[in-house]
C-alpha atoms as a PDB file:
ATOM      1  CA  UNK A   1     -27.859 -57.550 -26.784  1.00  0.00           C
ATOM      2  CA  UNK A   2     -27.501 -60.255 -24.120  1.00  0.00           C
ATOM      3  CA  UNK A   3     -30.511 -62.442 -23.488  1.00  0.00           C
ATOM      4  CA  UNK A   4     -31.827 -63.183 -20.001  1.00  0.00           C
ATOM      5  CA  UNK A   5     -31.824 -66.764 -18.730  1.00  0.00           C
ATOM      6  CA  UNK A   6     -32.005 -68.475 -15.344  1.00  0.00           C
ATOM      7  CA  UNK A   7     -30.751 -66.418 -12.360  1.00  0.00           C
ATOM      8  CA  UNK A   8     -27.050 -66.936 -11.701  1.00  0.00           C
ATOM      9  CA  UNK A   9     -24.552 -66.297  -8.932  1.00  0.00           C
ATOM     10  CA  UNK A  10     -21.028 -65.373  -9.995  1.00  0.00           C
ATOM     11  CA  UNK A  11     -17.983 -65.618  -7.709  1.00  0.00           C
ATOM     12  CA  UNK A  12     -16.009 -62.452  -7.174  1.00  0.00           C
ATOM     13  CA  UNK A  13     -12.632 -64.034  -7.922  1.00  0.00           C
ATOM     14  CA  UNK A  14     -11.330 -64.368 -11.474  1.00  0.00           C
ATOM     15  CA  UNK A  15     -12.039 -67.703 -13.096  1.00  0.00           C
ATOM     16  CA  UNK A  16      -9.538 -70.058 -14.660  1.00  0.00           C
ATOM     17  CA  UNK A  17      -8.931 -68.860 -18.233  1.00  0.00           C
ATOM     18  CA  UNK A  18     -11.006 -70.613 -20.885  1.00  0.00           C
ATOM     19  CA  UNK A  19      -8.953 -69.236 -23.761  1.00  0.00           C
ATOM     20  CA  UNK A  20      -5.722 -71.158 -24.208  1.00  0.00           C
ATOM     21  CA  UNK A  21      -6.165 -72.067 -27.879  1.00  0.00           C
ATOM     22  CA  UNK A  22      -4.783 -69.945 -30.711  1.00  0.00           C
ATOM     23  CA  UNK A  23      -8.078 -70.627 -32.474  1.00  0.00           C
ATOM     24  CA  UNK A  24     -10.275 -68.755 -30.026  1.00  0.00           C
ATOM     25  CA  UNK A  25     -12.351 -67.219 -32.781  1.00  0.00           C
ATOM     26  CA  UNK A  26     -12.174 -69.644 -35.732  1.00  0.00           C
ATOM     27  CA  UNK A  27     -12.811 -68.309 -39.226  1.00  0.00           C
ATOM     28  CA  UNK A  28     -14.330 -71.093 -41.322  1.00  0.00           C
ATOM     29  CA  UNK A  29     -13.882 -70.440 -45.027  1.00  0.00           C
ATOM     30  CA  UNK A  30     -17.656 -70.697 -45.466  1.00  0.00           C
ATOM     31  CA  UNK A  31     -18.268 -67.473 -43.534  1.00  0.00           C
ATOM     32  CA  UNK A  32     -15.329 -65.515 -44.924  1.00  0.00           C
ATOM     33  CA  UNK A  33     -17.540 -63.831 -47.588  1.00  0.00           C
ATOM     34  CA  UNK A  34     -19.685 -62.473 -44.750  1.00  0.00           C
ATOM     35  CA  UNK A  35     -16.628 -61.161 -42.916  1.00  0.00           C
ATOM     36  CA  UNK A  36     -15.375 -59.409 -46.056  1.00  0.00           C
ATOM     37  CA  UNK A  37     -18.808 -57.899 -46.656  1.00  0.00           C
ATOM     38  CA  UNK A  38     -19.004 -56.408 -43.165  1.00  0.00           C
ATOM     39  CA  UNK A  39     -15.479 -55.049 -43.410  1.00  0.00           C
ATOM     40  CA  UNK A  40     -16.656 -53.101 -46.460  1.00  0.00           C
ATOM     41  CA  UNK A  41     -19.732 -51.909 -44.566  1.00  0.00           C
ATOM     42  CA  UNK A  42     -17.634 -50.746 -41.619  1.00  0.00           C
ATOM     43  CA  UNK A  43     -14.580 -49.327 -43.356  1.00  0.00           C
ATOM     44  CA  UNK A  44     -15.245 -48.743 -47.074  1.00  0.00           C
ATOM     45  CA  UNK A  45     -18.852 -47.728 -47.753  1.00  0.00           C
ATOM     46  CA  UNK A  46     -19.986 -44.439 -46.239  1.00  0.00           C
ATOM     47  CA  UNK A  47     -23.489 -43.573 -45.068  1.00  0.00           C
ATOM     48  CA  UNK A  48     -24.242 -41.998 -48.430  1.00  0.00           C
ATOM     49  CA  UNK A  49     -23.899 -45.399 -50.091  1.00  0.00           C
ATOM     50  CA  UNK A  50     -26.144 -48.449 -50.056  1.00  0.00           C
ATOM     51  CA  UNK A  51     -25.042 -51.885 -51.220  1.00  0.00           C
ATOM     52  CA  UNK A  52     -27.738 -53.967 -52.914  1.00  0.00           C
ATOM     53  CA  UNK A  53     -26.770 -57.554 -52.218  1.00  0.00           C
ATOM     54  CA  UNK A  54     -27.841 -61.174 -51.797  1.00  0.00           C
ATOM     55  CA  UNK A  55     -28.525 -61.802 -48.119  1.00  0.00           C
ATOM     56  CA  UNK A  56     -27.462 -65.447 -48.334  1.00  0.00           C
ATOM     57  CA  UNK A  57     -24.506 -65.148 -50.710  1.00  0.00           C
ATOM     58  CA  UNK A  58     -22.946 -62.099 -49.110  1.00  0.00           C
ATOM     59  CA  UNK A  59     -20.186 -61.800 -51.702  1.00  0.00           C
ATOM     60  CA  UNK A  60     -22.818 -61.129 -54.369  1.00  0.00           C
ATOM     61  CA  UNK A  61     -23.175 -57.338 -54.421  1.00  0.00           C
ATOM     62  CA  UNK A  62     -25.167 -56.180 -57.433  1.00  0.00           C
ATOM     63  CA  UNK A  63     -24.718 -52.450 -57.055  1.00  0.00           C
ATOM     64  CA  UNK A  64     -23.441 -49.857 -54.606  1.00  0.00           C
ATOM     65  CA  UNK A  65     -25.964 -47.027 -54.864  1.00  0.00           C
ATOM     66  CA  UNK A  66     -24.951 -43.428 -54.268  1.00  0.00           C
ATOM     67  CA  UNK A  67     -27.794 -41.922 -52.240  1.00  0.00           C
ATOM     68  CA  UNK A  68     -28.755 -38.449 -53.535  1.00  0.00           C
ATOM     69  CA  UNK A  69     -28.440 -35.433 -51.262  1.00  0.00           C
ATOM     70  CA  UNK A  70     -27.024 -35.246 -47.768  1.00  0.00           C
ATOM     71  CA  UNK A  71     -27.368 -38.619 -46.047  1.00  0.00           C
ATOM     72  CA  UNK A  72     -27.919 -38.388 -42.302  1.00  0.00           C
ATOM     73  CA  UNK A  73     -28.295 -41.116 -39.715  1.00  0.00           C
ATOM     74  CA  UNK A  74     -31.783 -41.738 -41.122  1.00  0.00           C
ATOM     75  CA  UNK A  75     -32.781 -41.431 -44.762  1.00  0.00           C
ATOM     76  CA  UNK A  76     -35.424 -38.964 -45.866  1.00  0.00           C
ATOM     77  CA  UNK A  77     -38.607 -40.265 -47.474  1.00  0.00           C
ATOM     78  CA  UNK A  78     -37.248 -39.315 -50.889  1.00  0.00           C
ATOM     79  CA  UNK A  79     -33.944 -41.068 -50.285  1.00  0.00           C
ATOM     80  CA  UNK A  80     -35.738 -44.216 -49.136  1.00  0.00           C
ATOM     81  CA  UNK A  81     -37.847 -44.142 -52.296  1.00  0.00           C
ATOM     82  CA  UNK A  82     -34.708 -43.794 -54.418  1.00  0.00           C
ATOM     83  CA  UNK A  83     -32.999 -46.801 -52.841  1.00  0.00           C
ATOM     84  CA  UNK A  84     -36.226 -48.819 -52.923  1.00  0.00           C
ATOM     85  CA  UNK A  85     -36.597 -48.083 -56.633  1.00  0.00           C
ATOM     86  CA  UNK A  86     -33.120 -49.492 -57.306  1.00  0.00           C
ATOM     87  CA  UNK A  87     -33.947 -52.522 -55.176  1.00  0.00           C
ATOM     88  CA  UNK A  88     -37.216 -53.046 -57.059  1.00  0.00           C
ATOM     89  CA  UNK A  89     -35.408 -52.753 -60.398  1.00  0.00           C
ATOM     90  CA  UNK A  90     -32.963 -55.478 -59.442  1.00  0.00           C
ATOM     91  CA  UNK A  91     -35.776 -57.614 -58.088  1.00  0.00           C
ATOM     92  CA  UNK A  92     -37.596 -57.323 -61.412  1.00  0.00           C
ATOM     93  CA  UNK A  93     -34.461 -58.113 -63.424  1.00  0.00           C
ATOM     94  CA  UNK A  94     -33.594 -61.148 -61.337  1.00  0.00           C
ATOM     95  CA  UNK A  95     -37.196 -62.377 -61.365  1.00  0.00           C
ATOM     96  CA  UNK A  96     -37.362 -62.074 -65.152  1.00  0.00           C
ATOM     97  CA  UNK A  97     -34.052 -63.897 -65.481  1.00  0.00           C
ATOM     98  CA  UNK A  98     -35.206 -66.754 -63.265  1.00  0.00           C
ATOM     99  CA  UNK A  99     -38.412 -67.075 -65.303  1.00  0.00           C
ATOM    100  CA  UNK A 100     -36.406 -67.269 -68.529  1.00  0.00           C
ATOM    101  CA  UNK A 101     -34.137 -69.953 -67.119  1.00  0.00           C
ATOM    102  CA  UNK A 102     -37.091 -71.986 -65.874  1.00  0.00           C
ATOM    103  CA  UNK A 103     -38.742 -71.760 -69.300  1.00  0.00           C
ATOM    104  CA  UNK A 104     -35.562 -72.576 -71.187  1.00  0.00           C
ATOM    105  CA  UNK A 105     -35.751 -69.269 -73.048  1.00  0.00           C
ATOM    106  CA  UNK A 106     -32.737 -67.723 -74.732  1.00  0.00           C
ATOM    107  CA  UNK A 107     -30.757 -65.283 -72.604  1.00  0.00           C
ATOM    108  CA  UNK A 108     -29.133 -62.086 -73.722  1.00  0.00           C
ATOM    109  CA  UNK A 109     -25.372 -61.779 -73.450  1.00  0.00           C
ATOM    110  CA  UNK A 110     -25.769 -59.566 -70.399  1.00  0.00           C
ATOM    111  CA  UNK A 111     -28.091 -62.081 -68.738  1.00  0.00           C
ATOM    112  CA  UNK A 112     -25.748 -64.993 -69.457  1.00  0.00           C
ATOM    113  CA  UNK A 113     -22.860 -63.027 -67.998  1.00  0.00           C
ATOM    114  CA  UNK A 114     -24.869 -62.281 -64.844  1.00  0.00           C
ATOM    115  CA  UNK A 115     -25.803 -65.951 -64.327  1.00  0.00           C
ATOM    116  CA  UNK A 116     -22.211 -67.071 -64.847  1.00  0.00           C
ATOM    117  CA  UNK A 117     -20.773 -64.353 -62.668  1.00  0.00           C
ATOM    118  CA  UNK A 118     -23.206 -65.069 -59.850  1.00  0.00           C
ATOM    119  CA  UNK A 119     -22.430 -68.797 -59.969  1.00  0.00           C
ATOM    120  CA  UNK A 120     -18.719 -68.040 -59.954  1.00  0.00           C
ATOM    121  CA  UNK A 121     -18.855 -65.623 -57.030  1.00  0.00           C
ATOM    122  CA  UNK A 122     -21.307 -67.597 -54.897  1.00  0.00           C
ATOM    123  CA  UNK A 123     -19.961 -71.053 -55.716  1.00  0.00           C
ATOM    124  CA  UNK A 124     -23.542 -72.164 -56.342  1.00  0.00           C
ATOM    125  CA  UNK A 125     -24.698 -72.897 -59.894  1.00  0.00           C
ATOM    126  CA  UNK A 126     -28.302 -72.547 -58.786  1.00  0.00           C
ATOM    127  CA  UNK A 127     -27.822 -69.291 -56.906  1.00  0.00           C
ATOM    128  CA  UNK A 128     -29.886 -67.332 -59.418  1.00  0.00           C
ATOM    129  CA  UNK A 129     -33.019 -69.205 -58.348  1.00  0.00           C
ATOM    130  CA  UNK A 130     -34.672 -67.303 -55.524  1.00  0.00           C
ATOM    131  CA  UNK A 131     -32.203 -64.434 -55.863  1.00  0.00           C
ATOM    132  CA  UNK A 132     -34.997 -61.877 -56.311  1.00  0.00           C
ATOM    133  CA  UNK A 133     -36.403 -62.842 -52.902  1.00  0.00           C
ATOM    134  CA  UNK A 134     -32.985 -62.668 -51.225  1.00  0.00           C
ATOM    135  CA  UNK A 135     -32.318 -59.027 -52.077  1.00  0.00           C
ATOM    136  CA  UNK A 136     -31.680 -56.438 -49.395  1.00  0.00           C
ATOM    137  CA  UNK A 137     -29.702 -53.248 -49.071  1.00  0.00           C
ATOM    138  CA  UNK A 138     -27.150 -52.258 -46.495  1.00  0.00           C
ATOM    139  CA  UNK A 139     -26.030 -48.691 -45.890  1.00  0.00           C
ATOM    140  CA  UNK A 140     -22.375 -47.998 -45.286  1.00  0.00           C
ATOM    141  CA  UNK A 141     -21.283 -47.375 -41.701  1.00  0.00           C
ATOM    142  CA  UNK A 142     -17.783 -46.004 -42.205  1.00  0.00           C
ATOM    143  CA  UNK A 143     -18.368 -42.734 -40.351  1.00  0.00           C
ATOM    144  CA  UNK A 144     -20.164 -44.434 -37.465  1.00  0.00           C
ATOM    145  CA  UNK A 145     -17.514 -47.128 -37.095  1.00  0.00           C
ATOM    146  CA  UNK A 146     -14.710 -44.567 -37.207  1.00  0.00           C
ATOM    147  CA  UNK A 147     -16.415 -42.571 -34.457  1.00  0.00           C
ATOM    148  CA  UNK A 148     -16.795 -45.772 -32.447  1.00  0.00           C
ATOM    149  CA  UNK A 149     -13.078 -46.469 -32.769  1.00  0.00           C
ATOM    150  CA  UNK A 150     -12.249 -43.038 -31.375  1.00  0.00           C
ATOM    151  CA  UNK A 151     -14.623 -43.520 -28.432  1.00  0.00           C
ATOM    152  CA  UNK A 152     -13.588 -47.129 -27.871  1.00  0.00           C
ATOM    153  CA  UNK A 153      -9.925 -46.151 -27.613  1.00  0.00           C
ATOM    154  CA  UNK A 154     -10.737 -44.501 -24.276  1.00  0.00           C
ATOM    155  CA  UNK A 155     -11.886 -47.814 -22.832  1.00  0.00           C
ATOM    156  CA  UNK A 156      -9.808 -50.346 -24.762  1.00  0.00           C
ATOM    157  CA  UNK A 157      -7.200 -51.122 -22.106  1.00  0.00           C
ATOM    158  CA  UNK A 158      -9.702 -51.178 -19.249  1.00  0.00           C
ATOM    159  CA  UNK A 159     -12.162 -53.388 -21.132  1.00  0.00           C
ATOM    160  CA  UNK A 160      -9.452 -55.859 -22.104  1.00  0.00           C
ATOM    161  CA  UNK A 161      -8.262 -56.015 -18.510  1.00  0.00           C
ATOM    162  CA  UNK A 162     -11.811 -56.757 -17.317  1.00  0.00           C
ATOM    163  CA  UNK A 163     -12.076 -59.668 -19.747  1.00  0.00           C
ATOM    164  CA  UNK A 164      -8.597 -60.997 -18.947  1.00  0.00           C
ATOM    165  CA  UNK A 165      -9.335 -60.897 -15.224  1.00  0.00           C
ATOM    166  CA  UNK A 166     -12.527 -62.847 -15.889  1.00  0.00           C
ATOM    167  CA  UNK A 167     -10.528 -65.524 -17.730  1.00  0.00           C
ATOM    168  CA  UNK A 168     -11.981 -64.503 -21.088  1.00  0.00           C
ATOM    169  CA  UNK A 169     -10.428 -63.535 -24.435  1.00  0.00           C
ATOM    170  CA  UNK A 170      -9.601 -59.842 -24.360  1.00  0.00           C
ATOM    171  CA  UNK A 171     -10.751 -59.400 -27.966  1.00  0.00           C
ATOM    172  CA  UNK A 172     -14.331 -59.606 -26.716  1.00  0.00           C
ATOM    173  CA  UNK A 173     -13.758 -55.933 -25.922  1.00  0.00           C
ATOM    174  CA  UNK A 174     -14.420 -55.264 -29.624  1.00  0.00           C
ATOM    175  CA  UNK A 175     -18.014 -56.537 -29.455  1.00  0.00           C
ATOM    176  CA  UNK A 176     -19.560 -53.084 -28.766  1.00  0.00           C
ATOM    177  CA  UNK A 177     -18.543 -52.058 -32.283  1.00  0.00           C
ATOM    178  CA  UNK A 178     -21.269 -54.445 -33.446  1.00  0.00           C
ATOM    179  CA  UNK A 179     -23.761 -53.720 -30.675  1.00  0.00           C
ATOM    180  CA  UNK A 180     -23.666 -49.950 -30.446  1.00  0.00           C
ATOM    181  CA  UNK A 181     -20.581 -48.461 -32.126  1.00  0.00           C
ATOM    182  CA  UNK A 182     -19.661 -47.417 -28.572  1.00  0.00           C
ATOM    183  CA  UNK A 183     -22.519 -44.920 -28.436  1.00  0.00           C
ATOM    184  CA  UNK A 184     -23.133 -44.315 -24.717  1.00  0.00           C
ATOM    185  CA  UNK A 185     -26.808 -43.461 -25.117  1.00  0.00           C
ATOM    186  CA  UNK A 186     -27.626 -46.169 -27.667  1.00  0.00           C
ATOM    187  CA  UNK A 187     -31.078 -47.662 -27.197  1.00  0.00           C
ATOM    188  CA  UNK A 188     -33.115 -50.206 -29.113  1.00  0.00           C
ATOM    189  CA  UNK A 189     -36.798 -50.788 -29.725  1.00  0.00           C
ATOM    190  CA  UNK A 190     -36.528 -53.771 -27.343  1.00  0.00           C
ATOM    191  CA  UNK A 191     -35.489 -51.479 -24.502  1.00  0.00           C
ATOM    192  CA  UNK A 192     -31.777 -52.324 -24.584  1.00  0.00           C
ATOM    193  CA  UNK A 193     -29.497 -49.521 -23.405  1.00  0.00           C
ATOM    194  CA  UNK A 194     -25.889 -48.461 -23.506  1.00  0.00           C
ATOM    195  CA  UNK A 195     -22.661 -49.584 -25.089  1.00  0.00           C
ATOM    196  CA  UNK A 196     -23.384 -53.244 -24.305  1.00  0.00           C
ATOM    197  CA  UNK A 197     -27.132 -53.001 -25.017  1.00  0.00           C
ATOM    198  CA  UNK A 198     -28.453 -54.587 -21.842  1.00  0.00           C
ATOM    199  CA  UNK A 199     -32.178 -55.073 -21.441  1.00  0.00           C
ATOM    200  CA  UNK A 200     -33.597 -54.684 -17.948  1.00  0.00           C
ATOM    201  CA  UNK A 201     -34.026 -58.445 -17.561  1.00  0.00           C
ATOM    202  CA  UNK A 202     -30.496 -59.318 -18.634  1.00  0.00           C
ATOM    203  CA  UNK A 203     -29.042 -56.512 -16.510  1.00  0.00           C
ATOM    204  CA  UNK A 204     -30.887 -57.795 -13.453  1.00  0.00           C
ATOM    205  CA  UNK A 205     -29.302 -61.224 -13.917  1.00  0.00           C
ATOM    206  CA  UNK A 206     -25.790 -60.310 -15.003  1.00  0.00           C
ATOM    207  CA  UNK A 207     -25.288 -56.899 -13.405  1.00  0.00           C
ATOM    208  CA  UNK A 208     -27.511 -57.198 -10.348  1.00  0.00           C
ATOM    209  CA  UNK A 209     -29.016 -53.844 -11.250  1.00  0.00           C
ATOM    210  CA  UNK A 210     -31.629 -53.206 -13.927  1.00  0.00           C
ATOM    211  CA  UNK A 211     -31.608 -49.420 -13.675  1.00  0.00           C
ATOM    212  CA  UNK A 212     -31.029 -47.329 -16.769  1.00  0.00           C
ATOM    213  CA  UNK A 213     -28.093 -45.631 -15.042  1.00  0.00           C
ATOM    214  CA  UNK A 214     -26.333 -48.958 -14.498  1.00  0.00           C
ATOM    215  CA  UNK A 215     -26.926 -50.114 -18.066  1.00  0.00           C
ATOM    216  CA  UNK A 216     -25.622 -46.806 -19.407  1.00  0.00           C
ATOM    217  CA  UNK A 217     -22.498 -47.006 -17.246  1.00  0.00           C
ATOM    218  CA  UNK A 218     -19.671 -48.030 -19.638  1.00  0.00           C
ATOM    219  CA  UNK A 219     -17.689 -49.854 -16.941  1.00  0.00           C
ATOM    220  CA  UNK A 220     -20.441 -51.511 -14.898  1.00  0.00           C
ATOM    221  CA  UNK A 221     -22.045 -52.828 -18.078  1.00  0.00           C
ATOM    222  CA  UNK A 222     -18.710 -54.293 -19.214  1.00  0.00           C
ATOM    223  CA  UNK A 223     -18.509 -56.370 -16.047  1.00  0.00           C
ATOM    224  CA  UNK A 224     -22.039 -57.532 -16.826  1.00  0.00           C
ATOM    225  CA  UNK A 225     -21.056 -58.428 -20.391  1.00  0.00           C
ATOM    226  CA  UNK A 226     -18.099 -60.439 -19.080  1.00  0.00           C
ATOM    227  CA  UNK A 227     -20.406 -62.380 -16.756  1.00  0.00           C
ATOM    228  CA  UNK A 228     -22.855 -63.041 -19.569  1.00  0.00           C
ATOM    229  CA  UNK A 229     -20.195 -64.176 -22.044  1.00  0.00           C
ATOM    230  CA  UNK A 230     -18.531 -66.412 -19.440  1.00  0.00           C
ATOM    231  CA  UNK A 231     -21.872 -68.089 -18.771  1.00  0.00           C
ATOM    232  CA  UNK A 232     -22.635 -68.374 -22.489  1.00  0.00           C
ATOM    233  CA  UNK A 233     -19.294 -70.048 -23.161  1.00  0.00           C
ATOM    234  CA  UNK A 234     -19.807 -72.482 -20.281  1.00  0.00           C
ATOM    235  CA  UNK A 235     -23.186 -73.460 -21.717  1.00  0.00           C
ATOM    236  CA  UNK A 236     -22.276 -73.546 -25.407  1.00  0.00           C
ATOM    237  CA  UNK A 237     -18.626 -74.574 -25.454  1.00  0.00           C
ATOM    238  CA  UNK A 238     -17.337 -72.416 -28.307  1.00  0.00           C
ATOM    239  CA  UNK A 239     -16.852 -68.742 -28.988  1.00  0.00           C
ATOM    240  CA  UNK A 240     -18.735 -68.641 -32.301  1.00  0.00           C
ATOM    241  CA  UNK A 241     -21.810 -69.955 -30.480  1.00  0.00           C
ATOM    242  CA  UNK A 242     -21.289 -67.813 -27.376  1.00  0.00           C
ATOM    243  CA  UNK A 243     -20.762 -64.614 -29.369  1.00  0.00           C
ATOM    244  CA  UNK A 244     -23.818 -65.327 -31.528  1.00  0.00           C
ATOM    245  CA  UNK A 245     -25.855 -65.885 -28.371  1.00  0.00           C
ATOM    246  CA  UNK A 246     -25.319 -62.225 -27.517  1.00  0.00           C
ATOM    247  CA  UNK A 247     -27.792 -61.590 -30.319  1.00  0.00           C
ATOM    248  CA  UNK A 248     -29.874 -64.781 -30.427  1.00  0.00           C
ATOM    249  CA  UNK A 249     -29.799 -65.914 -26.794  1.00  0.00           C
ATOM    250  CA  UNK A 250     -28.271 -68.933 -25.102  1.00  0.00           C
ATOM    251  CA  UNK A 251     -31.405 -71.076 -25.354  1.00  0.00           C
ATOM    252  CA  UNK A 252     -31.657 -70.338 -29.066  1.00  0.00           C
ATOM    253  CA  UNK A 253     -28.054 -71.329 -29.675  1.00  0.00           C
ATOM    254  CA  UNK A 254     -28.508 -74.471 -27.572  1.00  0.00           C
ATOM    255  CA  UNK A 255     -31.304 -75.463 -29.967  1.00  0.00           C
ATOM    256  CA  UNK A 256     -28.974 -74.869 -32.899  1.00  0.00           C
ATOM    257  CA  UNK A 257     -26.199 -76.833 -31.192  1.00  0.00           C
ATOM    258  CA  UNK A 258     -28.564 -79.754 -30.563  1.00  0.00           C
ATOM    259  CA  UNK A 259     -29.171 -79.928 -34.319  1.00  0.00           C
ATOM    260  CA  UNK A 260     -25.714 -79.216 -35.730  1.00  0.00           C
ATOM    261  CA  UNK A 261     -23.228 -79.541 -32.878  1.00  0.00           C
ATOM    262  CA  UNK A 262     -20.293 -77.158 -33.215  1.00  0.00           C
ATOM    263  CA  UNK A 263     -20.549 -77.023 -37.010  1.00  0.00           C
ATOM    264  CA  UNK A 264     -20.981 -73.266 -37.089  1.00  0.00           C
ATOM    265  CA  UNK A 265     -21.108 -72.856 -40.893  1.00  0.00           C
ATOM    266  CA  UNK A 266     -24.012 -75.328 -40.993  1.00  0.00           C
ATOM    267  CA  UNK A 267     -25.792 -73.409 -38.249  1.00  0.00           C
ATOM    268  CA  UNK A 268     -25.431 -70.192 -40.240  1.00  0.00           C
ATOM    269  CA  UNK A 269     -26.616 -71.841 -43.438  1.00  0.00           C
ATOM    270  CA  UNK A 270     -29.206 -74.362 -42.285  1.00  0.00           C
ATOM    271  CA  UNK A 271     -30.565 -73.527 -38.836  1.00  0.00           C
ATOM    272  CA  UNK A 272     -34.203 -72.636 -39.389  1.00  0.00           C
ATOM    273  CA  UNK A 273     -35.916 -70.669 -36.657  1.00  0.00           C
ATOM    274  CA  UNK A 274     -38.151 -67.610 -37.005  1.00  0.00           C
ATOM    275  CA  UNK A 275     -35.937 -65.614 -34.624  1.00  0.00           C
ATOM    276  CA  UNK A 276     -32.668 -66.687 -36.257  1.00  0.00           C
ATOM    277  CA  UNK A 277     -32.744 -64.119 -39.012  1.00  0.00           C
ATOM    278  CA  UNK A 278     -30.270 -62.023 -40.937  1.00  0.00           C
ATOM    279  CA  UNK A 279     -28.845 -60.292 -37.850  1.00  0.00           C
ATOM    280  CA  UNK A 280     -28.210 -63.542 -35.972  1.00  0.00           C
ATOM    281  CA  UNK A 281     -26.717 -65.314 -39.002  1.00  0.00           C
ATOM    282  CA  UNK A 282     -24.272 -62.471 -39.484  1.00  0.00           C
ATOM    283  CA  UNK A 283     -23.484 -61.556 -35.889  1.00  0.00           C
ATOM    284  CA  UNK A 284     -20.288 -63.596 -35.499  1.00  0.00           C
ATOM    285  CA  UNK A 285     -19.031 -62.507 -38.930  1.00  0.00           C
ATOM    286  CA  UNK A 286     -19.686 -58.887 -37.946  1.00  0.00           C
ATOM    287  CA  UNK A 287     -17.674 -59.416 -34.778  1.00  0.00           C
ATOM    288  CA  UNK A 288     -14.752 -60.873 -36.743  1.00  0.00           C
ATOM    289  CA  UNK A 289     -14.883 -57.962 -39.172  1.00  0.00           C
ATOM    290  CA  UNK A 290     -14.984 -55.418 -36.346  1.00  0.00           C
ATOM    291  CA  UNK A 291     -12.103 -57.193 -34.620  1.00  0.00           C
ATOM    292  CA  UNK A 292      -9.980 -57.100 -37.788  1.00  0.00           C
ATOM    293  CA  UNK A 293     -10.544 -53.370 -38.215  1.00  0.00           C
ATOM    294  CA  UNK A 294     -10.310 -52.316 -34.571  1.00  0.00           C
ATOM    295  CA  UNK A 295      -7.069 -54.233 -34.040  1.00  0.00           C
ATOM    296  CA  UNK A 296      -5.359 -52.322 -36.868  1.00  0.00           C
ATOM    297  CA  UNK A 297      -7.342 -49.119 -37.447  1.00  0.00           C
ATOM    298  CA  UNK A 298      -4.486 -47.367 -39.244  1.00  0.00           C
ATOM    299  CA  UNK A 299      -4.809 -49.851 -42.104  1.00  0.00           C
ATOM    300  CA  UNK A 300      -8.486 -49.081 -42.664  1.00  0.00           C
ATOM    301  CA  UNK A 301      -8.508 -45.418 -41.647  1.00  0.00           C
ATOM    302  CA  UNK A 302      -5.106 -44.113 -42.798  1.00  0.00           C
ATOM    303  CA  UNK A 303      -6.329 -40.527 -42.421  1.00  0.00           C
ATOM    304  CA  UNK A 304      -6.542 -41.052 -38.656  1.00  0.00           C
ATOM    305  CA  UNK A 305      -9.541 -41.201 -36.346  1.00  0.00           C
ATOM    306  CA  UNK A 306      -9.698 -37.488 -35.596  1.00  0.00           C
ATOM    307  CA  UNK A 307     -10.196 -36.421 -39.234  1.00  0.00           C
END
């Protein structure tokens, strides 16, 4: 969701385009594992599956758990216990393995294979250390993303035109797949509403109207998103930083830029701030993944969006 900053005044006329490079949304090789992971979340794993993975080395997926019973939008208490038990089992196994390595104890063939495989996949020979603390699980979102594609198709041309007229890359129209899956009535615990997840404060600044009705309006909120993203790009100077600011805020990304410049992979890996957590580190990669899928949905959903 966009973060509020100093009050702004935006001219009515379209701005000079800021997107003349073919590398509008660069894809550094360092974040490609994250992009591939989120493409699996969005287009391969369904909501009845949960991937147990390393939250730093996103290409390390230990197990894809099949959740028992009918999996709805929220898991039942029993389903949560089931997934947590698998997570705890992996945490124990990885903790025991790290202890053995630290003590120089002999490893079983299975343990040696796991250490070698993890080093190979992650590109980090020491990746096993701390792995137990880096575990998390991610449910599949295939059904939700597919539904979002069907809804988003209604607005695709209009959204892209709004961004083009604002002098912005039209592919920013895919960002709601990350924010809300194009769910009109989406709301967050922080009070963000609508497809673009505007809080009241951000809506007041970038839409001129903080009402719930305005934030839930799929067109009015898109104009607000264009104003926000234009301002973010002006302040930050690159689309990886500007897109990430939609989650972490412009001031937060300015702090990261002060430390690491435009070296986005270093920001993702090294920027240490209590509010720059898993969601912020992955936000740009999620956008790239959503963009890949939404720009060629027939490749990822060959059955069609209505099935």
